[in-house]
Amino acid sequence: MRMSDLVAQYILEMLDAQNGSAEIQRNELAGNLGCVPSQINYVITSRFTPEQGYIVESRRGGGGYIRISRVKMDRGTAIMHIINSVGDSLEKATAEVMLKNMLQQNMIELQSAKIIASALSDRTLTKIEQDKRDSVRADLFKNMLLTLE
């Protein structure tokens, strides 16, 4: 498992154990996991975004912390929030992270996630010109999510 996956998994476990809200000391967490503090920043900025259903607050300084909270919303609202956050372009890796987050939050079933991931893969989009794939991927993803509601 990659370090970023380990960091994300650790934070998700903290959120589960603490009712959806966790305070993190970046340097302390980095020391516990054996990574650099910038790795913690990367994971938080890429995997714990408002589009993915999280609020992140931070306080700098000696007693600083990062507080991550899950946003509580119903399934339909959450799916519409994701659709609105996609925009005109969607990279394959970003789509995979979004699907993974949707699975973890029980917004989508595994079989549906597999079908959507397959439809959004580069292999499926091989006949689409490279510079247009992310645009087509975004349109496909948004339309598939609309059918989930």
Protein backbone atom coordinates (compact mmCIF):
# COMPACT_ATOMS: atom_id res chain seq x y z
CA MET A 1 0.00 0.00 0.00
CA ARG A 2 1.30 3.48 -0.87
CA MET A 3 2.12 5.94 1.88
CA SER A 4 -0.67 8.31 0.81
CA ASP A 5 -3.16 5.43 1.06
CA LEU A 6 -1.88 4.59 4.55
CA VAL A 7 -2.21 8.20 5.69
CA ALA A 8 -5.73 8.46 4.26
CA GLN A 9 -6.74 5.15 5.86
CA TYR A 10 -5.37 6.27 9.23
CA ILE A 11 -7.29 9.56 9.06
CA LEU A 12 -10.50 7.76 8.01
CA GLU A 13 -10.12 5.41 10.98
CA MET A 14 -9.70 8.42 13.27
CA LEU A 15 -12.87 9.96 11.81
CA ASP A 16 -14.80 6.72 12.33
CA ALA A 17 -13.58 6.37 15.90
CA GLN A 18 -14.36 10.00 16.80
CA ASN A 19 -17.86 10.42 15.35
CA GLY A 20 -16.79 12.05 12.08
CA SER A 21 -14.44 14.70 13.43
CA ALA A 22 -10.74 14.42 14.23
CA GLU A 23 -7.96 16.77 15.27
CA ILE A 24 -4.56 15.96 13.84
CA GLN A 25 -1.13 17.19 14.84
CA ARG A 26 0.60 17.07 11.45
CA ASN A 27 4.16 16.53 12.73
CA GLU A 28 3.05 13.97 15.29
CA LEU A 29 1.05 12.01 12.71
CA ALA A 30 3.96 12.11 10.27
CA GLY A 31 6.26 10.76 12.99
CA ASN A 32 3.85 7.97 13.89
CA LEU A 33 3.45 6.89 10.27
CA GLY A 34 7.08 7.36 9.27
CA CYS A 35 6.55 9.96 6.57
CA VAL A 36 7.28 13.64 6.05
CA PRO A 37 4.72 16.28 7.13
CA SER A 38 4.24 17.39 3.53
CA GLN A 39 2.82 13.91 2.79
CA ILE A 40 0.10 14.59 5.39
CA ASN A 41 -0.65 17.93 3.68
CA TYR A 42 -0.87 16.24 0.28
CA VAL A 43 -3.33 13.62 1.49
CA ILE A 44 -5.51 16.16 3.26
CA THR A 45 -5.64 18.55 0.27
CA SER A 46 -6.31 15.77 -2.23
CA ARG A 47 -8.59 13.38 -0.36
CA PHE A 48 -10.38 15.42 2.29
CA THR A 49 -11.90 18.21 0.22
CA PRO A 50 -15.32 19.84 0.43
CA GLU A 51 -16.21 18.11 -2.86
CA GLN A 52 -15.56 14.80 -1.16
CA GLY A 53 -17.66 15.68 1.87
CA TYR A 54 -15.13 17.09 4.36
CA ILE A 55 -14.45 20.39 6.09
CA VAL A 56 -10.82 21.06 6.96
CA GLU A 57 -9.78 23.72 9.46
CA SER A 58 -6.24 24.44 10.56
CA ARG A 59 -4.43 26.48 13.15
CA ARG A 60 -0.76 27.18 12.72
CA GLY A 61 1.88 27.57 15.37
CA GLY A 62 3.29 25.50 18.22
CA GLY A 63 -0.09 24.21 19.38
CA GLY A 64 -1.42 24.05 15.86
CA TYR A 65 -3.71 21.38 14.57
CA ILE A 66 -5.71 20.28 11.57
CA ARG A 67 -9.36 19.47 12.24
CA ILE A 68 -11.18 17.33 9.68
CA SER A 69 -14.95 16.86 9.87
CA ARG A 70 -17.30 14.84 7.71
CA VAL A 71 -20.15 16.87 6.32
CA LYS A 72 -23.45 15.23 7.12
CA MET A 73 -25.80 15.25 4.14
CA ASP A 74 -28.30 12.89 2.61
CA ARG A 75 -27.26 10.69 -0.31
CA GLY A 76 -29.02 12.72 -3.01
CA THR A 77 -27.53 16.01 -1.82
CA ALA A 78 -24.08 14.44 -1.59
CA ILE A 79 -24.30 13.05 -5.14
CA MET A 80 -25.44 16.41 -6.50
CA HIS A 81 -22.56 18.07 -4.65
CA ILE A 82 -20.12 15.68 -6.36
CA ILE A 83 -21.71 16.27 -9.77
CA ASN A 84 -21.41 20.03 -9.33
CA SER A 85 -17.78 19.73 -8.26
CA VAL A 86 -16.65 17.76 -11.32
CA GLY A 87 -16.54 20.63 -13.78
CA ASP A 88 -15.67 20.28 -17.47
CA SER A 89 -12.75 17.90 -17.07
CA LEU A 90 -12.06 14.85 -14.92
CA GLU A 91 -8.82 12.91 -14.70
CA LYS A 92 -9.03 9.14 -14.30
CA ALA A 93 -7.22 9.20 -10.93
CA THR A 94 -9.59 11.85 -9.56
CA ALA A 95 -12.62 9.84 -10.67
CA GLU A 96 -11.21 6.77 -8.92
CA VAL A 97 -10.70 8.71 -5.67
CA MET A 98 -14.25 10.08 -5.86
CA LEU A 99 -15.68 6.60 -6.42
CA LYS A 100 -13.60 5.22 -3.54
CA ASN A 101 -14.88 7.96 -1.24
CA MET A 102 -18.45 7.31 -2.35
CA LEU A 103 -17.98 3.62 -1.51
CA GLN A 104 -16.54 4.41 1.92
CA GLN A 105 -19.49 6.65 2.68
CA ASN A 106 -21.99 4.03 1.46
CA MET A 107 -23.29 6.38 -1.23
CA ILE A 108 -22.79 3.79 -3.95
CA GLU A 109 -22.64 0.00 -4.12
CA LEU A 110 -19.48 -1.84 -5.13
CA GLN A 111 -20.97 -3.21 -8.35
CA SER A 112 -22.07 0.26 -9.48
CA ALA A 113 -18.64 1.69 -8.66
CA LYS A 114 -16.95 -1.04 -10.72
CA ILE A 115 -19.22 -0.38 -13.69
CA ILE A 116 -18.63 3.37 -13.52
CA ALA A 117 -14.85 2.91 -13.14
CA SER A 118 -14.84 0.62 -16.16
CA ALA A 119 -16.79 3.12 -18.25
CA LEU A 120 -14.39 5.92 -17.27
CA SER A 121 -11.18 3.96 -17.91
CA ASP A 122 -8.63 4.96 -20.52
CA ARG A 123 -9.16 1.56 -22.09
CA THR A 124 -12.83 2.32 -22.68
CA LEU A 125 -12.04 5.81 -23.96
CA THR A 126 -9.18 4.66 -26.22
CA LYS A 127 -10.93 5.81 -29.41
CA ILE A 128 -11.38 9.31 -27.99
CA GLU A 129 -8.51 11.68 -28.74
CA GLN A 130 -6.17 11.97 -25.74
CA ASP A 131 -6.78 15.70 -25.26
CA LYS A 132 -10.58 15.16 -25.12
CA ARG A 133 -10.72 12.13 -22.80
CA ASP A 134 -10.94 14.06 -19.54
CA SER A 135 -13.80 16.14 -20.91
CA VAL A 136 -15.70 13.05 -22.09
CA ARG A 137 -14.91 11.33 -18.77
CA ALA A 138 -16.43 14.27 -16.85
CA ASP A 139 -19.62 14.17 -18.91
CA LEU A 140 -19.95 10.40 -18.53
CA PHE A 141 -19.34 10.52 -14.78
CA LYS A 142 -21.87 13.27 -14.16
CA ASN A 143 -24.54 11.55 -16.24
CA MET A 144 -23.97 8.19 -14.56
CA LEU A 145 -24.20 9.79 -11.12
CA LEU A 146 -27.50 11.41 -12.12
CA THR A 147 -28.96 7.93 -12.67
CA LEU A 148 -28.04 6.92 -9.10
CA GLU A 149 -30.40 9.38 -7.44
